[in-house]
Amino acid sequence: MGRLSIVFAALLMLSAISLVTARFQSRQLFVASERMALKARELDIDWRRLQLERAEQARNARIDELARDELKMTTTLPGRTIYLKGVPAASSAAAAGGRP
């Protein structure tokens, strides 16, 4: 009976140690899972911010403003516009020496 008690006591101790180890690992995995979820939320927020920033950068009004302010560009006026007349394709081939 004495040996059987010692064997059961040893098995009980192993079981208790196994339970404590399993709970510790479970807590570590839970903490790691929460960290990854927080990181995923942060990345999602960054992604949305970048999408808004990209939309703002590509906005036509902003591009127009930058062209006027930084590049000193102005809107074209009909009086300042020079129109060039193109040479027809048939006469340009004749001018090039008769090559087709």
Foldseek 3Di string as FASTA:
>chain_A
DVVVVVVVVVVVVVVVVVVVVVVVVVVVVVVVVVVVVVVVVVVVVVVVVVVVVVCVVPDPVVVVVCCCPVVVDDDDDPVPDDDDDDDDPVVVCVVVPVDD
